[in-house]
């Protein structure tokens, strides 16, 4: 979901980006969407276009896979995805950037959790 500029998610996202730069010398970018399906797909939708986009990525939705789209739409929860970096995700050629994925990502996730709980 698109978070309001001053929402807790937006504030923590900016802090995580700042930490990534200051502590790990890495420039991260914030996106208002994740270009695929992830666990955050179950938190809510901004509009009907989001639902249609999700449906296009799930060809067996409705026949082999049930998803309570109305209930999910009512949640309206914001989310943040701090993810590993790699290439060719879900392909036999998939590769993972191990230094980022095993050092930076865990640090940023833990930092974000602590910021949300503070």
C-alpha atoms as a PDB file:
ATOM      1  CA  UNK A   1       0.000   0.000   0.000  1.00  0.00           C
ATOM      2  CA  UNK A   2       1.045   3.572  -0.509  1.00  0.00           C
ATOM      3  CA  UNK A   3       1.878   4.930   2.921  1.00  0.00           C
ATOM      4  CA  UNK A   4       1.042   8.490   3.916  1.00  0.00           C
ATOM      5  CA  UNK A   5       4.084  10.762   3.973  1.00  0.00           C
ATOM      6  CA  UNK A   6       4.114  11.002   7.781  1.00  0.00           C
ATOM      7  CA  UNK A   7       2.968   7.456   8.536  1.00  0.00           C
ATOM      8  CA  UNK A   8       5.108   5.305  10.803  1.00  0.00           C
ATOM      9  CA  UNK A   9       6.011   3.122   7.801  1.00  0.00           C
ATOM     10  CA  UNK A  10       7.197   6.135   5.785  1.00  0.00           C
ATOM     11  CA  UNK A  11       9.239   7.492   8.684  1.00  0.00           C
ATOM     12  CA  UNK A  12      10.905   4.138   9.424  1.00  0.00           C
ATOM     13  CA  UNK A  13      11.526   3.586   5.707  1.00  0.00           C
ATOM     14  CA  UNK A  14      13.420   6.891   5.506  1.00  0.00           C
ATOM     15  CA  UNK A  15      15.396   5.952   8.638  1.00  0.00           C
ATOM     16  CA  UNK A  16      16.317   2.540   7.177  1.00  0.00           C
ATOM     17  CA  UNK A  17      17.522   4.177   3.959  1.00  0.00           C
ATOM     18  CA  UNK A  18      19.587   6.626   6.005  1.00  0.00           C
ATOM     19  CA  UNK A  19      21.077   3.791   8.110  1.00  0.00           C
ATOM     20  CA  UNK A  20      21.934   1.824   4.982  1.00  0.00           C
ATOM     21  CA  UNK A  21      23.882   4.787   3.664  1.00  0.00           C
ATOM     22  CA  UNK A  22      25.571   5.783   6.957  1.00  0.00           C
ATOM     23  CA  UNK A  23      26.395   2.318   8.334  1.00  0.00           C
ATOM     24  CA  UNK A  24      26.769   0.162   5.232  1.00  0.00           C
ATOM     25  CA  UNK A  25      27.701   2.783   2.612  1.00  0.00           C
ATOM     26  CA  UNK A  26      24.870   1.523   0.415  1.00  0.00           C
ATOM     27  CA  UNK A  27      22.289   3.659  -1.318  1.00  0.00           C
ATOM     28  CA  UNK A  28      18.819   2.132  -1.101  1.00  0.00           C
ATOM     29  CA  UNK A  29      15.775   3.373  -2.954  1.00  0.00           C
ATOM     30  CA  UNK A  30      12.222   3.465  -1.704  1.00  0.00           C
ATOM     31  CA  UNK A  31       9.489   2.207  -3.997  1.00  0.00           C
ATOM     32  CA  UNK A  32       5.782   2.587  -3.412  1.00  0.00           C
ATOM     33  CA  UNK A  33       5.230  -0.916  -4.721  1.00  0.00           C
ATOM     34  CA  UNK A  34       6.905  -4.288  -5.013  1.00  0.00           C
ATOM     35  CA  UNK A  35       6.868  -5.519  -8.635  1.00  0.00           C
ATOM     36  CA  UNK A  36       5.673  -9.018  -7.836  1.00  0.00           C
ATOM     37  CA  UNK A  37       3.835 -11.092  -5.299  1.00  0.00           C
ATOM     38  CA  UNK A  38       5.123 -11.257  -1.739  1.00  0.00           C
ATOM     39  CA  UNK A  39       3.683 -11.619   1.749  1.00  0.00           C
ATOM     40  CA  UNK A  40       2.830  -7.903   1.681  1.00  0.00           C
ATOM     41  CA  UNK A  41       0.291  -8.649  -1.063  1.00  0.00           C
ATOM     42  CA  UNK A  42      -1.970  -9.856   1.744  1.00  0.00           C
ATOM     43  CA  UNK A  43      -1.980  -6.567   3.700  1.00  0.00           C
ATOM     44  CA  UNK A  44      -4.290  -4.531   1.522  1.00  0.00           C
ATOM     45  CA  UNK A  45      -4.841  -2.708  -1.719  1.00  0.00           C
ATOM     46  CA  UNK A  46      -4.952   0.976  -2.563  1.00  0.00           C
ATOM     47  CA  UNK A  47      -7.577   0.567  -5.255  1.00  0.00           C
ATOM     48  CA  UNK A  48      -9.245  -1.776  -7.738  1.00  0.00           C
ATOM     49  CA  UNK A  49      -6.209  -1.501 -10.032  1.00  0.00           C
ATOM     50  CA  UNK A  50      -4.063  -3.156  -7.336  1.00  0.00           C
ATOM     51  CA  UNK A  51      -6.520  -6.040  -7.109  1.00  0.00           C
ATOM     52  CA  UNK A  52      -6.524  -6.489 -10.886  1.00  0.00           C
ATOM     53  CA  UNK A  53      -2.719  -6.428 -10.918  1.00  0.00           C
ATOM     54  CA  UNK A  54      -2.573  -9.121  -8.224  1.00  0.00           C
ATOM     55  CA  UNK A  55      -5.125 -11.246 -10.074  1.00  0.00           C
ATOM     56  CA  UNK A  56      -3.041 -11.057 -13.254  1.00  0.00           C
ATOM     57  CA  UNK A  57      -0.106 -12.582 -11.348  1.00  0.00           C
ATOM     58  CA  UNK A  58      -2.224 -15.438  -9.944  1.00  0.00           C
ATOM     59  CA  UNK A  59      -3.781 -17.372 -12.843  1.00  0.00           C
ATOM     60  CA  UNK A  60      -5.448 -20.041 -10.646  1.00  0.00           C
ATOM     61  CA  UNK A  61      -7.008 -17.511  -8.271  1.00  0.00           C
ATOM     62  CA  UNK A  62     -10.633 -18.436  -7.735  1.00  0.00           C
ATOM     63  CA  UNK A  63     -10.363 -21.952  -9.129  1.00  0.00           C
ATOM     64  CA  UNK A  64      -7.438 -23.565  -7.273  1.00  0.00           C
ATOM     65  CA  UNK A  65      -6.543 -20.821  -4.827  1.00  0.00           C
ATOM     66  CA  UNK A  66      -8.966 -18.878  -2.662  1.00  0.00           C
ATOM     67  CA  UNK A  67      -8.138 -15.387  -1.500  1.00  0.00           C
ATOM     68  CA  UNK A  68     -10.555 -13.178   0.486  1.00  0.00           C
ATOM     69  CA  UNK A  69      -9.983 -10.024  -1.564  1.00  0.00           C
ATOM     70  CA  UNK A  70     -12.772  -8.051   0.136  1.00  0.00           C
ATOM     71  CA  UNK A  71     -11.394  -8.840   3.596  1.00  0.00           C
ATOM     72  CA  UNK A  72      -7.875  -7.929   2.511  1.00  0.00           C
ATOM     73  CA  UNK A  73      -9.122  -4.660   1.002  1.00  0.00           C
ATOM     74  CA  UNK A  74     -10.744  -3.797   4.345  1.00  0.00           C
ATOM     75  CA  UNK A  75      -7.444  -4.229   6.241  1.00  0.00           C
ATOM     76  CA  UNK A  76      -5.798  -1.159   4.793  1.00  0.00           C
ATOM     77  CA  UNK A  77      -2.461  -1.980   6.456  1.00  0.00           C
ATOM     78  CA  UNK A  78       0.804  -0.411   5.382  1.00  0.00           C
ATOM     79  CA  UNK A  79       3.900  -2.556   4.977  1.00  0.00           C
ATOM     80  CA  UNK A  80       7.612  -2.421   4.304  1.00  0.00           C
ATOM     81  CA  UNK A  81       9.619  -5.013   2.402  1.00  0.00           C
ATOM     82  CA  UNK A  82      13.331  -5.126   3.214  1.00  0.00           C
ATOM     83  CA  UNK A  83      14.660  -7.849   1.001  1.00  0.00           C
ATOM     84  CA  UNK A  84      17.805  -9.596  -0.104  1.00  0.00           C
ATOM     85  CA  UNK A  85      19.435  -8.782  -3.436  1.00  0.00           C
ATOM     86  CA  UNK A  86      20.017 -11.269  -6.193  1.00  0.00           C
ATOM     87  CA  UNK A  87      19.452 -12.114  -9.831  1.00  0.00           C
ATOM     88  CA  UNK A  88      17.064 -14.420 -11.681  1.00  0.00           C
ATOM     89  CA  UNK A  89      14.729 -14.937  -8.726  1.00  0.00           C
ATOM     90  CA  UNK A  90      12.923 -18.310  -8.806  1.00  0.00           C
ATOM     91  CA  UNK A  91      14.903 -19.525 -11.814  1.00  0.00           C
ATOM     92  CA  UNK A  92      17.529 -22.260 -11.937  1.00  0.00           C
ATOM     93  CA  UNK A  93      20.122 -19.492 -12.513  1.00  0.00           C
ATOM     94  CA  UNK A  94      19.115 -17.641  -9.325  1.00  0.00           C
ATOM     95  CA  UNK A  95      22.031 -15.976  -7.552  1.00  0.00           C
ATOM     96  CA  UNK A  96      22.186 -14.196  -4.215  1.00  0.00           C
ATOM     97  CA  UNK A  97      24.436 -11.308  -3.209  1.00  0.00           C
ATOM     98  CA  UNK A  98      25.685 -12.982  -0.039  1.00  0.00           C
ATOM     99  CA  UNK A  99      27.390 -10.005   1.705  1.00  0.00           C
ATOM    100  CA  UNK A 100      24.259  -7.865   1.348  1.00  0.00           C
ATOM    101  CA  UNK A 101      21.815 -10.666   2.034  1.00  0.00           C
ATOM    102  CA  UNK A 102      23.540 -12.068   5.133  1.00  0.00           C
ATOM    103  CA  UNK A 103      24.973  -8.885   6.665  1.00  0.00           C
ATOM    104  CA  UNK A 104      23.105  -5.789   5.533  1.00  0.00           C
ATOM    105  CA  UNK A 105      19.565  -7.171   5.216  1.00  0.00           C
ATOM    106  CA  UNK A 106      19.438  -8.685   8.750  1.00  0.00           C
ATOM    107  CA  UNK A 107      20.823  -5.449  10.221  1.00  0.00           C
ATOM    108  CA  UNK A 108      18.232  -3.315   8.417  1.00  0.00           C
ATOM    109  CA  UNK A 109      15.337  -5.631   9.298  1.00  0.00           C
ATOM    110  CA  UNK A 110      16.312  -5.652  12.985  1.00  0.00           C
ATOM    111  CA  UNK A 111      16.761  -1.876  12.924  1.00  0.00           C
ATOM    112  CA  UNK A 112      13.321  -1.396  11.332  1.00  0.00           C
ATOM    113  CA  UNK A 113      11.670  -3.666  13.901  1.00  0.00           C
ATOM    114  CA  UNK A 114      13.281  -1.764  16.768  1.00  0.00           C
ATOM    115  CA  UNK A 115      12.188   1.557  15.246  1.00  0.00           C
ATOM    116  CA  UNK A 116       8.596   0.330  14.855  1.00  0.00           C
ATOM    117  CA  UNK A 117       8.519  -0.845  18.462  1.00  0.00           C
ATOM    118  CA  UNK A 118      10.018   2.348  19.890  1.00  0.00           C
END
